[in-house]
Amino acid sequence: NEKVAIRDAERAAAESHIGRLRAGRPESIESSSLHLDVIRD
C-alpha cells in the first residue's frame, strides 16, 4: 500500500515544485532538474 502512497506523494511533490517554478522562485528554478531527479531516484 505504501507503494501506491509513494506514487501519489511523487505526483504531489512534482505539482508543488511546478507551482514554485510558476511563482518565479530563483532557488527552485536553479535546482529544478536536481529536485525532480532526487525524487525520481
PDB file of all heavy atoms in Angstrom:
ATOM      1  N   ASN A   1       0.830  -1.211   0.000  1.00  0.00           N
ATOM      2  CA  ASN A   1       0.000   0.000   0.000  1.00  0.00           C
ATOM      3  C   ASN A   1       0.863   1.258   0.000  1.00  0.00           C
ATOM      4  O   ASN A   1       0.491   2.287  -0.570  1.00  0.00           O
ATOM      5  CB  ASN A   1      -0.924   0.004   1.224  1.00  0.00           C
ATOM      6  CG  ASN A   1      -2.057  -0.999   1.091  1.00  0.00           C
ATOM      7  OD1 ASN A   1      -2.473  -1.320  -0.026  1.00  0.00           O
ATOM      8  ND2 ASN A   1      -2.545  -1.500   2.223  1.00  0.00           N
ATOM      9  N   GLU A   2       2.034   1.164   0.636  1.00  0.00           N
ATOM     10  CA  GLU A   2       2.952   2.303   0.661  1.00  0.00           C
ATOM     11  C   GLU A   2       3.474   2.633  -0.742  1.00  0.00           C
ATOM     12  O   GLU A   2       3.830   3.778  -1.014  1.00  0.00           O
ATOM     13  CB  GLU A   2       4.121   2.019   1.609  1.00  0.00           C
ATOM     14  CG  GLU A   2       3.825   2.262   3.065  1.00  0.00           C
ATOM     15  CD  GLU A   2       3.536   3.738   3.328  1.00  0.00           C
ATOM     16  OE1 GLU A   2       4.290   4.591   2.837  1.00  0.00           O
ATOM     17  OE2 GLU A   2       2.542   4.031   4.014  1.00  0.00           O
ATOM     18  N   LYS A   3       3.530   1.613  -1.595  1.00  0.00           N
ATOM     19  CA  LYS A   3       3.987   1.875  -2.960  1.00  0.00           C
ATOM     20  C   LYS A   3       3.020   2.826  -3.668  1.00  0.00           C
ATOM     21  O   LYS A   3       3.433   3.740  -4.392  1.00  0.00           O
ATOM     22  CB  LYS A   3       4.122   0.568  -3.744  1.00  0.00           C
ATOM     23  CG  LYS A   3       4.726   0.742  -5.129  1.00  0.00           C
ATOM     24  CD  LYS A   3       4.980  -0.587  -5.807  1.00  0.00           C
ATOM     25  CE  LYS A   3       5.657  -0.380  -7.154  1.00  0.00           C
ATOM     26  NZ  LYS A   3       5.945  -1.667  -7.847  1.00  0.00           N
ATOM     27  N   VAL A   4       1.737   2.606  -3.458  1.00  0.00           N
ATOM     28  CA  VAL A   4       0.721   3.490  -4.041  1.00  0.00           C
ATOM     29  C   VAL A   4       0.839   4.879  -3.423  1.00  0.00           C
ATOM     30  O   VAL A   4       0.764   5.907  -4.121  1.00  0.00           O
ATOM     31  CB  VAL A   4      -0.693   2.912  -3.807  1.00  0.00           C
ATOM     32  CG1 VAL A   4      -1.753   3.868  -4.364  1.00  0.00           C
ATOM     33  CG2 VAL A   4      -0.809   1.539  -4.444  1.00  0.00           C
ATOM     34  N   ALA A   5       1.059   4.924  -2.105  1.00  0.00           N
ATOM     35  CA  ALA A   5       1.171   6.214  -1.420  1.00  0.00           C
ATOM     36  C   ALA A   5       2.392   6.997  -1.908  1.00  0.00           C
ATOM     37  O   ALA A   5       2.339   8.227  -2.060  1.00  0.00           O
ATOM     38  CB  ALA A   5       1.258   5.981   0.092  1.00  0.00           C
ATOM     39  N   ILE A   6       3.490   6.284  -2.159  1.00  0.00           N
ATOM     40  CA  ILE A   6       4.697   6.948  -2.662  1.00  0.00           C
ATOM     41  C   ILE A   6       4.457   7.509  -4.066  1.00  0.00           C
ATOM     42  O   ILE A   6       4.922   8.616  -4.410  1.00  0.00           O
ATOM     43  CB  ILE A   6       5.887   5.965  -2.667  1.00  0.00           C
ATOM     44  CG1 ILE A   6       6.409   5.780  -1.241  1.00  0.00           C
ATOM     45  CG2 ILE A   6       6.997   6.435  -3.571  1.00  0.00           C
ATOM     46  CD1 ILE A   6       7.129   6.993  -0.671  1.00  0.00           C
ATOM     47  N   ARG A   7       3.710   6.772  -4.868  1.00  0.00           N
ATOM     48  CA  ARG A   7       3.396   7.257  -6.219  1.00  0.00           C
ATOM     49  C   ARG A   7       2.580   8.545  -6.142  1.00  0.00           C
ATOM     50  O   ARG A   7       2.833   9.509  -6.881  1.00  0.00           O
ATOM     51  CB  ARG A   7       2.641   6.176  -6.995  1.00  0.00           C
ATOM     52  CG  ARG A   7       2.456   6.500  -8.464  1.00  0.00           C
ATOM     53  CD  ARG A   7       1.991   5.305  -9.264  1.00  0.00           C
ATOM     54  NE  ARG A   7       0.719   4.778  -8.793  1.00  0.00           N
ATOM     55  CZ  ARG A   7       0.543   3.561  -8.280  1.00  0.00           C
ATOM     56  NH1 ARG A   7       1.572   2.752  -8.150  1.00  0.00           N
ATOM     57  NH2 ARG A   7      -0.653   3.145  -7.879  1.00  0.00           N
ATOM     58  N   ASP A   8       1.622   8.573  -5.225  1.00  0.00           N
ATOM     59  CA  ASP A   8       0.825   9.785  -5.044  1.00  0.00           C
ATOM     60  C   ASP A   8       1.682  10.929  -4.487  1.00  0.00           C
ATOM     61  O   ASP A   8       1.526  12.090  -4.890  1.00  0.00           O
ATOM     62  CB  ASP A   8      -0.345   9.504  -4.093  1.00  0.00           C
ATOM     63  CG  ASP A   8      -1.348   8.518  -4.690  1.00  0.00           C
ATOM     64  OD1 ASP A   8      -1.351   8.368  -5.937  1.00  0.00           O
ATOM     65  OD2 ASP A   8      -2.100   7.891  -3.906  1.00  0.00           O
ATOM     66  N   ALA A   9       2.587  10.595  -3.570  1.00  0.00           N
ATOM     67  CA  ALA A   9       3.457  11.620  -2.994  1.00  0.00           C
ATOM     68  C   ALA A   9       4.390  12.207  -4.044  1.00  0.00           C
ATOM     69  O   ALA A   9       4.683  13.410  -4.029  1.00  0.00           O
ATOM     70  CB  ALA A   9       4.263  11.021  -1.840  1.00  0.00           C
ATOM     71  N   GLU A  10       4.853  11.357  -4.954  1.00  0.00           N
ATOM     72  CA  GLU A  10       5.719  11.866  -6.035  1.00  0.00           C
ATOM     73  C   GLU A  10       4.956  12.854  -6.917  1.00  0.00           C
ATOM     74  O   GLU A  10       5.467  13.917  -7.297  1.00  0.00           O
ATOM     75  CB  GLU A  10       6.244  10.700  -6.876  1.00  0.00           C
ATOM     76  CG  GLU A  10       7.164  11.152  -7.999  1.00  0.00           C
ATOM     77  CD  GLU A  10       7.233  10.166  -9.153  1.00  0.00           C
ATOM     78  OE1 GLU A  10       6.307   9.340  -9.282  1.00  0.00           O
ATOM     79  OE2 GLU A  10       8.194  10.236  -9.932  1.00  0.00           O
ATOM     80  N   ARG A  11       3.715  12.495  -7.233  1.00  0.00           N
ATOM     81  CA  ARG A  11       2.896  13.370  -8.069  1.00  0.00           C
ATOM     82  C   ARG A  11       2.638  14.714  -7.358  1.00  0.00           C
ATOM     83  O   ARG A  11       2.757  15.791  -7.961  1.00  0.00           O
ATOM     84  CB  ARG A  11       1.572  12.687  -8.400  1.00  0.00           C
ATOM     85  CG  ARG A  11       0.709  13.458  -9.398  1.00  0.00           C
ATOM     86  CD  ARG A  11      -0.610  12.762  -9.670  1.00  0.00           C
ATOM     87  NE  ARG A  11      -0.406  11.409 -10.178  1.00  0.00           N
ATOM     88  CZ  ARG A  11      -0.730  10.299  -9.507  1.00  0.00           C
ATOM     89  NH1 ARG A  11      -1.238  10.389  -8.293  1.00  0.00           N
ATOM     90  NH2 ARG A  11      -0.528   9.110 -10.045  1.00  0.00           N
ATOM     91  N   ALA A  12       2.345  14.651  -6.062  1.00  0.00           N
ATOM     92  CA  ALA A  12       2.089  15.876  -5.301  1.00  0.00           C
ATOM     93  C   ALA A  12       3.347  16.737  -5.209  1.00  0.00           C
ATOM     94  O   ALA A  12       3.284  17.973  -5.326  1.00  0.00           O
ATOM     95  CB  ALA A  12       1.593  15.517  -3.900  1.00  0.00           C
ATOM     96  N   ALA A  13       4.519  16.089  -5.034  1.00  0.00           N
ATOM     97  CA  ALA A  13       5.776  16.840  -4.952  1.00  0.00           C
ATOM     98  C   ALA A  13       6.087  17.525  -6.269  1.00  0.00           C
ATOM     99  O   ALA A  13       6.551  18.684  -6.297  1.00  0.00           O
ATOM    100  CB  ALA A  13       6.919  15.900  -4.553  1.00  0.00           C
ATOM    101  N   ALA A  14       5.822  16.826  -7.386  1.00  0.00           N
ATOM    102  CA  ALA A  14       6.062  17.419  -8.699  1.00  0.00           C
ATOM    103  C   ALA A  14       5.157  18.621  -8.930  1.00  0.00           C
ATOM    104  O   ALA A  14       5.589  19.671  -9.446  1.00  0.00           O
ATOM    105  CB  ALA A  14       5.852  16.366  -9.791  1.00  0.00           C
ATOM    106  N   GLU A  15       3.882  18.499  -8.530  1.00  0.00           N
ATOM    107  CA  GLU A  15       2.954  19.614  -8.710  1.00  0.00           C
ATOM    108  C   GLU A  15       3.365  20.813  -7.837  1.00  0.00           C
ATOM    109  O   GLU A  15       3.296  21.968  -8.285  1.00  0.00           O
ATOM    110  CB  GLU A  15       1.538  19.151  -8.353  1.00  0.00           C
ATOM    111  CG  GLU A  15       0.962  18.156  -9.358  1.00  0.00           C
ATOM    112  CD  GLU A  15      -0.366  17.580  -8.905  1.00  0.00           C
ATOM    113  OE1 GLU A  15      -0.775  17.873  -7.741  1.00  0.00           O
ATOM    114  OE2 GLU A  15      -0.990  16.809  -9.682  1.00  0.00           O
ATOM    115  N   SER A  16       3.801  20.548  -6.609  1.00  0.00           N
ATOM    116  CA  SER A  16       4.253  21.643  -5.728  1.00  0.00           C
ATOM    117  C   SER A  16       5.479  22.327  -6.317  1.00  0.00           C
ATOM    118  O   SER A  16       5.601  23.568  -6.280  1.00  0.00           O
ATOM    119  CB  SER A  16       4.576  21.098  -4.336  1.00  0.00           C
ATOM    120  OG  SER A  16       3.425  20.564  -3.723  1.00  0.00           O
ATOM    121  N   HIS A  17       6.378  21.518  -6.871  1.00  0.00           N
ATOM    122  CA  HIS A  17       7.591  22.082  -7.463  1.00  0.00           C
ATOM    123  C   HIS A  17       7.252  22.968  -8.664  1.00  0.00           C
ATOM    124  O   HIS A  17       7.804  24.070  -8.831  1.00  0.00           O
ATOM    125  CB  HIS A  17       8.531  20.956  -7.873  1.00  0.00           C
ATOM    126  CG  HIS A  17       9.812  21.442  -8.488  1.00  0.00           C
ATOM    127  ND1 HIS A  17      10.781  22.136  -7.785  1.00  0.00           N
ATOM    128  CD2 HIS A  17      10.272  21.359  -9.774  1.00  0.00           C
ATOM    129  CE1 HIS A  17      11.783  22.434  -8.586  1.00  0.00           C
ATOM    130  NE2 HIS A  17      11.488  21.986  -9.797  1.00  0.00           N
ATOM    131  N   ILE A  18       6.328  22.495  -9.498  1.00  0.00           N
ATOM    132  CA  ILE A  18       5.910  23.297 -10.658  1.00  0.00           C
ATOM    133  C   ILE A  18       5.255  24.602 -10.194  1.00  0.00           C
ATOM    134  O   ILE A  18       5.443  25.669 -10.788  1.00  0.00           O
ATOM    135  CB  ILE A  18       4.947  22.473 -11.543  1.00  0.00           C
ATOM    136  CG1 ILE A  18       5.719  21.312 -12.193  1.00  0.00           C
ATOM    137  CG2 ILE A  18       4.313  23.352 -12.614  1.00  0.00           C
ATOM    138  CD1 ILE A  18       4.839  20.331 -12.936  1.00  0.00           C
ATOM    139  N   GLY A  19       4.510  24.524  -9.100  1.00  0.00           N
ATOM    140  CA  GLY A  19       3.901  25.735  -8.555  1.00  0.00           C
ATOM    141  C   GLY A  19       4.964  26.743  -8.131  1.00  0.00           C
ATOM    142  O   GLY A  19       4.810  27.965  -8.356  1.00  0.00           O
ATOM    143  N   ARG A  20       6.052  26.270  -7.529  1.00  0.00           N
ATOM    144  CA  ARG A  20       7.126  27.190  -7.127  1.00  0.00           C
ATOM    145  C   ARG A  20       7.840  27.777  -8.346  1.00  0.00           C
ATOM    146  O   ARG A  20       8.278  28.927  -8.333  1.00  0.00           O
ATOM    147  CB  ARG A  20       8.128  26.460  -6.213  1.00  0.00           C
ATOM    148  CG  ARG A  20       7.575  26.160  -4.821  1.00  0.00           C
ATOM    149  CD  ARG A  20       8.667  25.674  -3.877  1.00  0.00           C
ATOM    150  NE  ARG A  20       9.223  24.387  -4.310  1.00  0.00           N
ATOM    151  CZ  ARG A  20       8.696  23.203  -3.974  1.00  0.00           C
ATOM    152  NH1 ARG A  20       7.602  23.163  -3.224  1.00  0.00           N
ATOM    153  NH2 ARG A  20       9.246  22.098  -4.380  1.00  0.00           N
ATOM    154  N   LEU A  21       7.939  26.965  -9.414  1.00  0.00           N
ATOM    155  CA  LEU A  21       8.551  27.485 -10.650  1.00  0.00           C
ATOM    156  C   LEU A  21       7.681  28.605 -11.232  1.00  0.00           C
ATOM    157  O   LEU A  21       8.196  29.629 -11.708  1.00  0.00           O
ATOM    158  CB  LEU A  21       8.724  26.353 -11.668  1.00  0.00           C
ATOM    159  CG  LEU A  21       9.773  25.277 -11.349  1.00  0.00           C
ATOM    160  CD1 LEU A  21       9.767  24.203 -12.432  1.00  0.00           C
ATOM    161  CD2 LEU A  21      11.166  25.893 -11.232  1.00  0.00           C
ATOM    162  N   ARG A  22       6.367  28.414 -11.200  1.00  0.00           N
ATOM    163  CA  ARG A  22       5.464  29.439 -11.728  1.00  0.00           C
ATOM    164  C   ARG A  22       5.547  30.716 -10.907  1.00  0.00           C
ATOM    165  O   ARG A  22       5.369  31.822 -11.424  1.00  0.00           O
ATOM    166  CB  ARG A  22       4.033  28.910 -11.732  1.00  0.00           C
ATOM    167  CG  ARG A  22       3.782  27.855 -12.807  1.00  0.00           C
ATOM    168  CD  ARG A  22       2.402  27.247 -12.642  1.00  0.00           C
ATOM    169  NE  ARG A  22       2.124  26.249 -13.667  1.00  0.00           N
ATOM    170  CZ  ARG A  22       1.111  25.390 -13.620  1.00  0.00           C
ATOM    171  NH1 ARG A  22       0.290  25.417 -12.555  1.00  0.00           N
ATOM    172  NH2 ARG A  22       0.922  24.523 -14.582  1.00  0.00           N
ATOM    173  N   ALA A  23       5.825  30.523  -9.609  1.00  0.00           N
ATOM    174  CA  ALA A  23       5.936  31.708  -8.751  1.00  0.00           C
ATOM    175  C   ALA A  23       7.256  32.442  -8.964  1.00  0.00           C
ATOM    176  O   ALA A  23       7.459  33.521  -8.404  1.00  0.00           O
ATOM    177  CB  ALA A  23       5.811  31.287  -7.289  1.00  0.00           C
ATOM    178  N   GLY A  24       8.162  31.848  -9.732  1.00  0.00           N
ATOM    179  CA  GLY A  24       9.413  32.501 -10.087  1.00  0.00           C
ATOM    180  C   GLY A  24      10.460  32.494  -8.998  1.00  0.00           C
ATOM    181  O   GLY A  24      11.316  33.376  -8.968  1.00  0.00           O
ATOM    182  N   ARG A  25      10.439  31.520  -8.097  1.00  0.00           N
ATOM    183  CA  ARG A  25      11.457  31.456  -7.058  1.00  0.00           C
ATOM    184  C   ARG A  25      12.802  31.062  -7.680  1.00  0.00           C
ATOM    185  O   ARG A  25      12.907  30.022  -8.332  1.00  0.00           O
ATOM    186  CB  ARG A  25      11.076  30.434  -5.996  1.00  0.00           C
ATOM    187  CG  ARG A  25       9.816  30.822  -5.220  1.00  0.00           C
ATOM    188  CD  ARG A  25       9.562  29.859  -4.084  1.00  0.00           C
ATOM    189  NE  ARG A  25       8.339  30.202  -3.370  1.00  0.00           N
ATOM    190  CZ  ARG A  25       7.873  29.527  -2.319  1.00  0.00           C
ATOM    191  NH1 ARG A  25       8.547  28.473  -1.874  1.00  0.00           N
ATOM    192  NH2 ARG A  25       6.757  29.908  -1.731  1.00  0.00           N
ATOM    193  N   PRO A  26      13.846  31.841  -7.480  1.00  0.00           N
ATOM    194  CA  PRO A  26      15.121  31.576  -8.150  1.00  0.00           C
ATOM    195  C   PRO A  26      15.755  30.252  -7.730  1.00  0.00           C
ATOM    196  O   PRO A  26      16.340  29.550  -8.552  1.00  0.00           O
ATOM    197  CB  PRO A  26      16.003  32.764  -7.746  1.00  0.00           C
ATOM    198  CG  PRO A  26      15.255  33.543  -6.730  1.00  0.00           C
ATOM    199  CD  PRO A  26      13.845  33.093  -6.716  1.00  0.00           C
ATOM    200  N   GLU A  27      15.669  29.889  -6.418  1.00  0.00           N
ATOM    201  CA  GLU A  27      16.289  28.622  -5.989  1.00  0.00           C
ATOM    202  C   GLU A  27      15.614  27.447  -6.667  1.00  0.00           C
ATOM    203  O   GLU A  27      16.262  26.476  -7.073  1.00  0.00           O
ATOM    204  CB  GLU A  27      16.178  28.434  -4.464  1.00  0.00           C
ATOM    205  CG  GLU A  27      16.454  29.679  -3.635  1.00  0.00           C
ATOM    206  CD  GLU A  27      15.153  30.360  -3.281  1.00  0.00           C
ATOM    207  OE1 GLU A  27      14.639  31.078  -4.171  1.00  0.00           O
ATOM    208  OE2 GLU A  27      14.650  30.169  -2.164  1.00  0.00           O
ATOM    209  N   SER A  28      14.274  27.517  -6.809  1.00  0.00           N
ATOM    210  CA  SER A  28      13.531  26.427  -7.440  1.00  0.00           C
ATOM    211  C   SER A  28      13.885  26.310  -8.916  1.00  0.00           C
ATOM    212  O   SER A  28      14.007  25.194  -9.454  1.00  0.00           O
ATOM    213  CB  SER A  28      12.030  26.637  -7.266  1.00  0.00           C
ATOM    214  OG  SER A  28      11.680  26.644  -5.900  1.00  0.00           O
ATOM    215  N   ILE A  29      14.035  27.458  -9.573  1.00  0.00           N
ATOM    216  CA  ILE A  29      14.404  27.426 -10.995  1.00  0.00           C
ATOM    217  C   ILE A  29      15.793  26.835 -11.164  1.00  0.00           C
ATOM    218  O   ILE A  29      16.031  25.995 -12.041  1.00  0.00           O
ATOM    219  CB  ILE A  29      14.326  28.851 -11.590  1.00  0.00           C
ATOM    220  CG1 ILE A  29      12.881  29.357 -11.551  1.00  0.00           C
ATOM    221  CG2 ILE A  29      14.877  28.873 -13.001  1.00  0.00           C
ATOM    222  CD1 ILE A  29      12.730  30.817 -11.941  1.00  0.00           C
ATOM    223  N   GLU A  30      16.746  27.247 -10.307  1.00  0.00           N
ATOM    224  CA  GLU A  30      18.134  26.783 -10.420  1.00  0.00           C
ATOM    225  C   GLU A  30      18.255  25.280 -10.167  1.00  0.00           C
ATOM    226  O   GLU A  30      19.016  24.585 -10.841  1.00  0.00           O
ATOM    227  CB  GLU A  30      19.002  27.551  -9.417  1.00  0.00           C
ATOM    228  CG  GLU A  30      20.474  27.161  -9.468  1.00  0.00           C
ATOM    229  CD  GLU A  30      21.270  27.839  -8.364  1.00  0.00           C
ATOM    230  OE1 GLU A  30      20.711  28.033  -7.265  1.00  0.00           O
ATOM    231  OE2 GLU A  30      22.437  28.176  -8.604  1.00  0.00           O
ATOM    232  N   SER A  31      17.506  24.751  -9.194  1.00  0.00           N
ATOM    233  CA  SER A  31      17.651  23.338  -8.799  1.00  0.00           C
ATOM    234  C   SER A  31      16.502  22.475  -9.305  1.00  0.00           C
ATOM    235  O   SER A  31      16.289  21.379  -8.790  1.00  0.00           O
ATOM    236  CB  SER A  31      17.718  23.243  -7.269  1.00  0.00           C
ATOM    237  OG  SER A  31      16.519  23.721  -6.685  1.00  0.00           O
ATOM    238  N   SER A  32      15.780  22.950 -10.311  1.00  0.00           N
ATOM    239  CA  SER A  32      14.587  22.235 -10.772  1.00  0.00           C
ATOM    240  C   SER A  32      14.892  20.803 -11.193  1.00  0.00           C
ATOM    241  O   SER A  32      14.289  19.842 -10.719  1.00  0.00           O
ATOM    242  CB  SER A  32      13.939  22.990 -11.929  1.00  0.00           C
ATOM    243  OG  SER A  32      12.865  22.255 -12.448  1.00  0.00           O
ATOM    244  N   SER A  33      15.859  20.659 -12.095  1.00  0.00           N
ATOM    245  CA  SER A  33      16.204  19.324 -12.586  1.00  0.00           C
ATOM    246  C   SER A  33      16.716  18.441 -11.450  1.00  0.00           C
ATOM    247  O   SER A  33      16.357  17.262 -11.344  1.00  0.00           O
ATOM    248  CB  SER A  33      17.264  19.444 -13.681  1.00  0.00           C
ATOM    249  OG  SER A  33      17.703  18.179 -14.088  1.00  0.00           O
ATOM    250  N   LEU A  34      17.541  19.017 -10.580  1.00  0.00           N
ATOM    251  CA  LEU A  34      18.097  18.264  -9.457  1.00  0.00           C
ATOM    252  C   LEU A  34      16.992  17.782  -8.520  1.00  0.00           C
ATOM    253  O   LEU A  34      16.986  16.625  -8.073  1.00  0.00           O
ATOM    254  CB  LEU A  34      19.073  19.168  -8.695  1.00  0.00           C
ATOM    255  CG  LEU A  34      19.946  18.504  -7.627  1.00  0.00           C
ATOM    256  CD1 LEU A  34      20.925  17.546  -8.259  1.00  0.00           C
ATOM    257  CD2 LEU A  34      20.688  19.579  -6.833  1.00  0.00           C
ATOM    258  N   HIS A  35      16.047  18.654  -8.235  1.00  0.00           N
ATOM    259  CA  HIS A  35      14.933  18.322  -7.342  1.00  0.00           C
ATOM    260  C   HIS A  35      14.142  17.125  -7.890  1.00  0.00           C
ATOM    261  O   HIS A  35      13.896  16.146  -7.180  1.00  0.00           O
ATOM    262  CB  HIS A  35      14.024  19.552  -7.209  1.00  0.00           C
ATOM    263  CG  HIS A  35      12.855  19.337  -6.300  1.00  0.00           C
ATOM    264  ND1 HIS A  35      12.789  19.865  -5.034  1.00  0.00           N
ATOM    265  CD2 HIS A  35      11.691  18.655  -6.485  1.00  0.00           C
ATOM    266  CE1 HIS A  35      11.645  19.507  -4.471  1.00  0.00           C
ATOM    267  NE2 HIS A  35      10.965  18.783  -5.345  1.00  0.00           N
ATOM    268  N   LEU A  36      13.777  17.175  -9.151  1.00  0.00           N
ATOM    269  CA  LEU A  36      12.971  16.109  -9.757  1.00  0.00           C
ATOM    270  C   LEU A  36      13.754  14.800  -9.856  1.00  0.00           C
ATOM    271  O   LEU A  36      13.193  13.712  -9.682  1.00  0.00           O
ATOM    272  CB  LEU A  36      12.490  16.544 -11.137  1.00  0.00           C
ATOM    273  CG  LEU A  36      11.514  17.734 -11.152  1.00  0.00           C
ATOM    274  CD1 LEU A  36      11.195  18.145 -12.577  1.00  0.00           C
ATOM    275  CD2 LEU A  36      10.229  17.391 -10.394  1.00  0.00           C
ATOM    276  N   ASP A  37      15.076  14.912 -10.134  1.00  0.00           N
ATOM    277  CA  ASP A  37      15.899  13.698 -10.238  1.00  0.00           C
ATOM    278  C   ASP A  37      16.034  12.996  -8.888  1.00  0.00           C
ATOM    279  O   ASP A  37      16.012  11.763  -8.815  1.00  0.00           O
ATOM    280  CB  ASP A  37      17.291  14.046 -10.775  1.00  0.00           C
ATOM    281  CG  ASP A  37      17.281  14.360 -12.263  1.00  0.00           C
ATOM    282  OD1 ASP A  37      16.283  14.017 -12.928  1.00  0.00           O
ATOM    283  OD2 ASP A  37      18.265  14.945 -12.761  1.00  0.00           O
ATOM    284  N   VAL A  38      16.170  13.760  -7.811  1.00  0.00           N
ATOM    285  CA  VAL A  38      16.276  13.154  -6.480  1.00  0.00           C
ATOM    286  C   VAL A  38      14.978  12.423  -6.126  1.00  0.00           C
ATOM    287  O   VAL A  38      15.007  11.277  -5.646  1.00  0.00           O
ATOM    288  CB  VAL A  38      16.598  14.229  -5.413  1.00  0.00           C
ATOM    289  CG1 VAL A  38      16.471  13.645  -4.005  1.00  0.00           C
ATOM    290  CG2 VAL A  38      17.996  14.776  -5.624  1.00  0.00           C
ATOM    291  N   ILE A  39      13.851  13.072  -6.373  1.00  0.00           N
ATOM    292  CA  ILE A  39      12.558  12.435  -6.109  1.00  0.00           C
ATOM    293  C   ILE A  39      12.405  11.161  -6.946  1.00  0.00           C
ATOM    294  O   ILE A  39      11.957  10.123  -6.451  1.00  0.00           O
ATOM    295  CB  ILE A  39      11.399  13.419  -6.404  1.00  0.00           C
ATOM    296  CG1 ILE A  39      11.426  14.603  -5.420  1.00  0.00           C
ATOM    297  CG2 ILE A  39      10.061  12.696  -6.336  1.00  0.00           C
ATOM    298  CD1 ILE A  39      11.097  14.228  -3.996  1.00  0.00           C
ATOM    299  N   ARG A  40      12.802  11.252  -8.216  1.00  0.00           N
ATOM    300  CA  ARG A  40      12.693  10.084  -9.107  1.00  0.00           C
ATOM    301  C   ARG A  40      13.541   8.924  -8.592  1.00  0.00           C
ATOM    302  O   ARG A  40      13.086   7.761  -8.557  1.00  0.00           O
ATOM    303  CB  ARG A  40      13.157  10.472 -10.508  1.00  0.00           C
ATOM    304  CG  ARG A  40      13.150   9.319 -11.529  1.00  0.00           C
ATOM    305  CD  ARG A  40      14.158   9.582 -12.626  1.00  0.00           C
ATOM    306  NE  ARG A  40      15.520   9.660 -12.077  1.00  0.00           N
ATOM    307  CZ  ARG A  40      16.542  10.199 -12.725  1.00  0.00           C
ATOM    308  NH1 ARG A  40      16.371  10.738 -13.908  1.00  0.00           N
ATOM    309  NH2 ARG A  40      17.750  10.205 -12.162  1.00  0.00           N
ATOM    310  N   ASP A  41      14.782   9.196  -8.160  1.00  0.00           N
ATOM    311  CA  ASP A  41      15.653   8.119  -7.679  1.00  0.00           C
ATOM    312  C   ASP A  41      15.149   7.522  -6.375  1.00  0.00           C
ATOM    313  O   ASP A  41      15.245   6.307  -6.153  1.00  0.00           O
ATOM    314  CB  ASP A  41      17.086   8.641  -7.499  1.00  0.00           C
ATOM    315  CG  ASP A  41      17.771   8.902  -8.833  1.00  0.00           C
ATOM    316  OD1 ASP A  41      17.394   8.256  -9.826  1.00  0.00           O
ATOM    317  OD2 ASP A  41      18.689   9.743  -8.875  1.00  0.00           O
TER     318      ASP A  41
END
